[in-house]
Amino acid sequence: MVLYDKLLVFVKVRHIVLTTFVGLMIGIITAVTYHAIPYFIERNNFITEVKEMYGVDAREASRGFNEVLSEETGSRGLLGYMKLRANTGDQYTNYVIVNSIAIELFSFSFRSTQAWLYWGFEMLLIALPMAWAGYNRSRNFFNHSADDWYLPLPDQIGSVPIENKAVLTALFQENSLLNLSELMVAEGDIPHPTLEIYEQHSKNRKGDTLLVVKETARQSPTKVNRTTIARWEITPEDYSPFIEAVNRKINESDVTP
């Protein structure tokens, strides 16, 4: 998942359906590869033994391996091998280590339909997180002016009283950022519910700045829910005077008796 996320960051693919689908396919291929490794090991051991015992070449020994699978399961290759495993049963054992000694707690085996259901569940455990990684990255906001992703963790720059919600929205739409700064107070200076304003930048802090407004609601003495209600991108030319005005307003509030 980490490697896939880093790849998406590098190539800057932002199509949610595409990145989710590719992540799902990578997960499925990973799960299939996980089961294909013992198949190739068994196949290689069989070919080695047959070559030594009967003096045939690798191609003939491989053909014999597939014929055995076909006779036992009706299928060849990896599918035949998985069918054979399902027919004979896969055993799983749980151990606990005591004084460097492995002690068996219990064991169980999956056979036939149970085995296929377990393998399907196992595949989902690998594939779905990969699909989520692709979806989660692509749904993040992209800074087109910097040609880079906005950092996922925003920084709170202040709060606005909840009663000023309509005014705040109007000022954003009018791009009246300096007037907006007059409404802001320092983080934590007013109780919830409130409107929290965050900023997000690209990693190199170039390009536009994304301002995010979150409305809070206290659910308990220790829990506060936050809902994003608006996002605005502002240019570096607008950001600099705005953040200076915000800091000046907050600093003045701190020294006011």
Protein backbone atom coordinates (compact mmCIF):
# COMPACT_ATOMS: atom_id res chain seq x y z
CA MET A 1 0.00 0.00 0.00
CA VAL A 2 2.79 2.41 0.90
CA LEU A 3 4.62 1.73 -2.37
CA TYR A 4 1.42 2.11 -4.39
CA ASP A 5 0.60 5.40 -2.66
CA LYS A 6 4.12 6.70 -3.33
CA LEU A 7 3.76 5.67 -6.99
CA LEU A 8 0.52 7.65 -7.30
CA VAL A 9 2.17 10.67 -5.69
CA PHE A 10 5.03 10.40 -8.19
CA VAL A 11 2.98 9.92 -11.36
CA LYS A 12 0.21 12.32 -10.14
CA VAL A 13 -2.67 10.18 -11.41
CA ARG A 14 -5.91 11.66 -10.03
CA HIS A 15 -8.70 9.61 -11.65
CA ILE A 16 -10.51 7.96 -8.71
CA VAL A 17 -12.02 5.09 -10.72
CA LEU A 18 -8.69 4.30 -12.40
CA THR A 19 -6.57 4.39 -9.24
CA THR A 20 -9.14 2.35 -7.30
CA PHE A 21 -9.39 -0.27 -10.05
CA VAL A 22 -5.61 -0.53 -10.47
CA GLY A 23 -5.20 -0.88 -6.70
CA LEU A 24 -7.79 -3.66 -6.68
CA MET A 25 -6.00 -5.47 -9.51
CA ILE A 26 -2.62 -5.12 -7.77
CA GLY A 27 -4.16 -6.62 -4.63
CA ILE A 28 -5.66 -9.55 -6.56
CA ILE A 29 -2.39 -10.21 -8.38
CA THR A 30 -0.54 -10.08 -5.04
CA ALA A 31 -2.94 -12.61 -3.53
CA VAL A 32 -2.66 -14.92 -6.56
CA THR A 33 1.13 -14.64 -6.44
CA TYR A 34 1.06 -15.59 -2.76
CA HIS A 35 -0.58 -18.89 -3.68
CA ALA A 36 1.40 -19.32 -6.90
CA ILE A 37 4.74 -19.47 -5.05
CA PRO A 38 4.09 -22.91 -3.43
CA TYR A 39 2.69 -24.09 -6.77
CA PHE A 40 5.93 -23.29 -8.57
CA ILE A 41 7.95 -24.83 -5.73
CA GLU A 42 5.96 -28.08 -5.95
CA ARG A 43 6.16 -28.06 -9.72
CA ASN A 44 9.93 -27.50 -9.69
CA ASN A 45 10.47 -30.29 -7.12
CA PHE A 46 8.34 -32.67 -9.20
CA ILE A 47 10.24 -31.84 -12.41
CA THR A 48 13.61 -32.30 -10.66
CA GLU A 49 12.65 -35.69 -9.25
CA VAL A 50 11.16 -36.96 -12.51
CA LYS A 51 14.22 -35.84 -14.49
CA GLU A 52 16.53 -37.72 -12.11
CA MET A 53 14.38 -40.87 -11.93
CA TYR A 54 13.41 -41.25 -15.59
CA GLY A 55 16.00 -39.21 -17.47
CA VAL A 56 13.43 -37.06 -19.28
CA ASP A 57 13.80 -33.39 -20.10
CA ALA A 58 12.11 -30.54 -18.22
CA ARG A 59 9.35 -30.11 -20.81
CA GLU A 60 8.32 -33.76 -20.58
CA ALA A 61 8.44 -33.68 -16.78
CA SER A 62 6.29 -30.51 -16.75
CA ARG A 63 3.79 -32.19 -19.03
CA GLY A 64 3.63 -35.10 -16.60
CA PHE A 65 3.00 -32.71 -13.69
CA ASN A 66 0.04 -31.20 -15.52
CA GLU A 67 -1.29 -34.62 -16.45
CA VAL A 68 -1.32 -35.60 -12.78
CA LEU A 69 -3.24 -32.45 -11.89
CA SER A 70 -5.65 -33.01 -14.77
CA GLU A 71 -6.36 -36.59 -13.68
CA GLU A 72 -6.94 -35.55 -10.07
CA THR A 73 -8.93 -32.35 -10.59
CA GLY A 74 -9.81 -31.96 -14.27
CA SER A 75 -7.69 -28.78 -14.52
CA ARG A 76 -4.06 -28.01 -15.21
CA GLY A 77 -1.62 -25.41 -13.96
CA LEU A 78 -2.27 -23.18 -10.94
CA LEU A 79 -6.03 -23.79 -11.05
CA GLY A 80 -5.51 -27.54 -10.93
CA TYR A 81 -3.07 -27.14 -8.05
CA MET A 82 -5.55 -25.02 -6.05
CA LYS A 83 -8.31 -27.56 -6.73
CA LEU A 84 -6.02 -30.32 -5.45
CA ARG A 85 -5.30 -28.32 -2.30
CA ALA A 86 -9.02 -27.78 -1.79
CA ASN A 87 -9.71 -31.51 -2.27
CA THR A 88 -7.01 -32.61 0.17
CA GLY A 89 -7.60 -29.76 2.62
CA ASP A 90 -5.40 -26.95 3.93
CA GLN A 91 -4.46 -27.29 7.59
CA TYR A 92 -3.77 -24.25 9.77
CA THR A 93 -2.22 -24.54 13.23
CA ASN A 94 -2.09 -21.93 15.99
CA TYR A 95 0.97 -21.96 18.25
CA VAL A 96 2.11 -20.09 21.32
CA ILE A 97 5.78 -19.65 22.17
CA VAL A 98 6.71 -20.52 25.77
CA ASN A 99 10.40 -20.42 26.76
CA SER A 100 11.37 -20.58 23.07
CA ILE A 101 9.26 -23.73 22.63
CA ALA A 102 6.33 -23.78 20.20
CA ILE A 103 3.23 -25.26 21.86
CA GLU A 104 0.29 -26.14 19.64
CA LEU A 105 -2.97 -24.60 20.82
CA PHE A 106 -5.34 -25.83 18.15
CA SER A 107 -5.47 -26.66 14.45
CA PHE A 108 -8.16 -26.77 11.81
CA SER A 109 -8.40 -27.44 8.10
CA PHE A 110 -10.40 -25.99 5.24
CA ARG A 111 -11.58 -28.39 2.57
CA SER A 112 -13.55 -28.09 -0.66
CA THR A 113 -15.96 -25.10 -0.58
CA GLN A 114 -14.61 -23.91 2.78
CA ALA A 115 -11.13 -23.65 1.30
CA TRP A 116 -12.32 -21.56 -1.66
CA LEU A 117 -14.31 -19.27 0.64
CA TYR A 118 -11.30 -18.80 2.88
CA TRP A 119 -9.02 -18.03 -0.06
CA GLY A 120 -11.59 -15.56 -1.40
CA PHE A 121 -11.76 -13.83 1.97
CA GLU A 122 -7.97 -13.79 2.10
CA MET A 123 -7.86 -12.17 -1.33
CA LEU A 124 -10.30 -9.46 -0.22
CA LEU A 125 -8.14 -8.71 2.82
CA ILE A 126 -5.27 -7.95 0.42
CA ALA A 127 -7.15 -6.37 -2.50
CA LEU A 128 -9.57 -4.03 -0.70
CA PRO A 129 -6.88 -2.09 1.24
CA MET A 130 -4.98 -1.62 -2.03
CA ALA A 131 -8.14 -0.31 -3.70
CA TRP A 132 -8.71 2.00 -0.72
CA ALA A 133 -5.14 3.34 -1.05
CA GLY A 134 -5.84 4.30 -4.67
CA TYR A 135 -9.22 5.83 -3.83
CA ASN A 136 -7.96 7.73 -0.80
CA ARG A 137 -5.02 9.30 -2.66
CA SER A 138 -7.05 10.39 -5.69
CA ARG A 139 -9.83 11.99 -3.65
CA ASN A 140 -7.30 14.31 -1.98
CA PHE A 141 -7.11 17.82 -3.39
CA PHE A 142 -4.45 18.61 -5.97
CA ASN A 143 -2.59 21.91 -6.21
CA HIS A 144 -2.60 22.58 -9.95
CA SER A 145 -0.49 25.73 -9.70
CA ALA A 146 2.25 23.78 -7.88
CA ASP A 147 1.59 20.55 -9.86
CA ASP A 148 1.63 18.66 -6.58
CA TRP A 149 -0.70 17.24 -3.95
CA TYR A 150 -1.82 19.29 -1.00
CA LEU A 151 -0.44 17.81 2.19
CA PRO A 152 -3.12 15.58 3.77
CA LEU A 153 -2.82 17.08 7.26
CA PRO A 154 -4.01 20.72 7.40
CA ASP A 155 -2.84 23.34 9.90
CA GLN A 156 -5.46 25.29 11.84
CA ILE A 157 -4.91 29.02 11.61
CA GLY A 158 -7.85 30.15 13.69
CA SER A 159 -11.57 29.94 14.44
CA VAL A 160 -14.68 31.97 13.71
CA PRO A 161 -17.78 32.08 15.98
CA ILE A 162 -20.58 29.85 14.69
CA GLU A 163 -23.00 32.79 14.52
CA ASN A 164 -20.82 34.31 11.78
CA LYS A 165 -21.22 31.31 9.45
CA ALA A 166 -23.28 33.17 6.82
CA VAL A 167 -20.95 36.16 6.94
CA LEU A 168 -17.89 33.93 6.59
CA THR A 169 -19.35 32.22 3.50
CA ALA A 170 -20.21 35.54 1.89
CA LEU A 171 -16.73 36.96 2.54
CA PHE A 172 -15.10 33.90 0.99
CA GLN A 173 -17.29 34.15 -2.09
CA GLU A 174 -16.42 37.84 -2.41
CA ASN A 175 -12.74 37.04 -1.79
CA SER A 176 -12.80 39.59 1.05
CA LEU A 177 -10.05 37.86 2.95
CA LEU A 178 -8.91 40.90 4.92
CA ASN A 179 -12.46 41.42 6.23
CA LEU A 180 -12.59 37.71 7.05
CA SER A 181 -9.44 38.02 9.15
CA GLU A 182 -11.29 40.45 11.43
CA LEU A 183 -13.70 37.67 12.42
CA MET A 184 -11.01 35.22 13.44
CA VAL A 185 -9.81 34.36 16.91
CA ALA A 186 -7.08 32.03 18.12
CA GLU A 187 -7.59 28.29 18.20
CA GLY A 188 -9.35 27.24 21.41
CA ASP A 189 -10.44 30.76 22.43
CA ILE A 190 -14.14 30.05 21.85
CA PRO A 191 -16.11 26.95 22.87
CA HIS A 192 -17.64 24.44 20.48
CA PRO A 193 -19.63 24.56 18.29
CA THR A 194 -17.48 26.84 16.17
CA LEU A 195 -16.01 27.21 12.70
CA GLU A 196 -12.37 26.17 12.40
CA ILE A 197 -10.28 27.42 9.49
CA TYR A 198 -7.36 25.35 8.25
CA GLU A 199 -4.74 25.83 5.55
CA GLN A 200 -3.11 23.22 3.33
CA HIS A 201 -0.03 23.65 1.14
CA SER A 202 1.88 21.49 -1.27
CA LYS A 203 4.96 19.79 0.14
CA ASN A 204 7.25 22.47 -1.29
CA ARG A 205 4.79 25.18 -0.18
CA LYS A 206 4.56 26.53 -3.73
CA GLY A 207 1.43 27.40 -5.64
CA ASP A 208 -2.03 28.14 -4.22
CA THR A 209 -3.15 27.63 -0.63
CA LEU A 210 -6.26 25.61 0.19
CA LEU A 211 -8.41 27.08 2.96
CA VAL A 212 -10.73 24.57 4.62
CA VAL A 213 -13.65 25.44 6.91
CA LYS A 214 -14.82 22.80 9.39
CA GLU A 215 -17.91 23.12 11.55
CA THR A 216 -17.56 21.52 14.97
CA ALA A 217 -20.13 19.92 17.23
CA ARG A 218 -19.40 18.66 20.72
CA GLN A 219 -20.66 15.10 21.23
CA SER A 220 -19.34 14.61 24.74
CA PRO A 221 -16.92 16.30 27.17
CA THR A 222 -14.04 14.56 25.38
CA LYS A 223 -15.32 14.18 21.81
CA VAL A 224 -15.80 16.82 19.11
CA ASN A 225 -17.07 16.02 15.61
CA ARG A 226 -15.80 18.06 12.67
CA THR A 227 -17.54 18.39 9.30
CA THR A 228 -15.94 20.09 6.30
CA ILE A 229 -18.42 22.64 4.95
CA ALA A 230 -16.29 24.63 2.48
CA ARG A 231 -12.95 24.78 0.65
CA TRP A 232 -11.36 27.69 -1.20
CA GLU A 233 -8.11 28.01 -3.09
CA ILE A 234 -6.32 31.35 -2.81
CA THR A 235 -3.26 32.55 -4.68
CA PRO A 236 0.09 33.34 -3.02
CA GLU A 237 -0.59 37.02 -3.68
CA ASP A 238 -3.83 36.83 -1.66
CA TYR A 239 -2.48 34.45 0.97
CA SER A 240 0.40 36.58 2.24
CA PRO A 241 -1.63 39.67 3.29
CA PHE A 242 -4.42 37.43 4.60
CA ILE A 243 -2.22 35.35 6.92
CA GLU A 244 -0.41 38.50 8.10
CA ALA A 245 -3.76 40.07 8.98
CA VAL A 246 -4.90 36.88 10.75
CA ASN A 247 -1.72 36.73 12.85
CA ARG A 248 -1.97 40.42 13.69
CA LYS A 249 -5.63 40.05 14.73
CA ILE A 250 -4.89 37.00 16.91
CA ASN A 251 -1.85 38.64 18.50
CA GLU A 252 -3.89 41.74 19.32
CA SER A 253 -6.53 39.55 20.94
CA ASP A 254 -3.88 37.83 23.05
CA VAL A 255 -2.63 41.10 24.54
CA THR A 256 -6.06 42.65 25.06
CA PRO A 257 -6.90 42.62 28.82
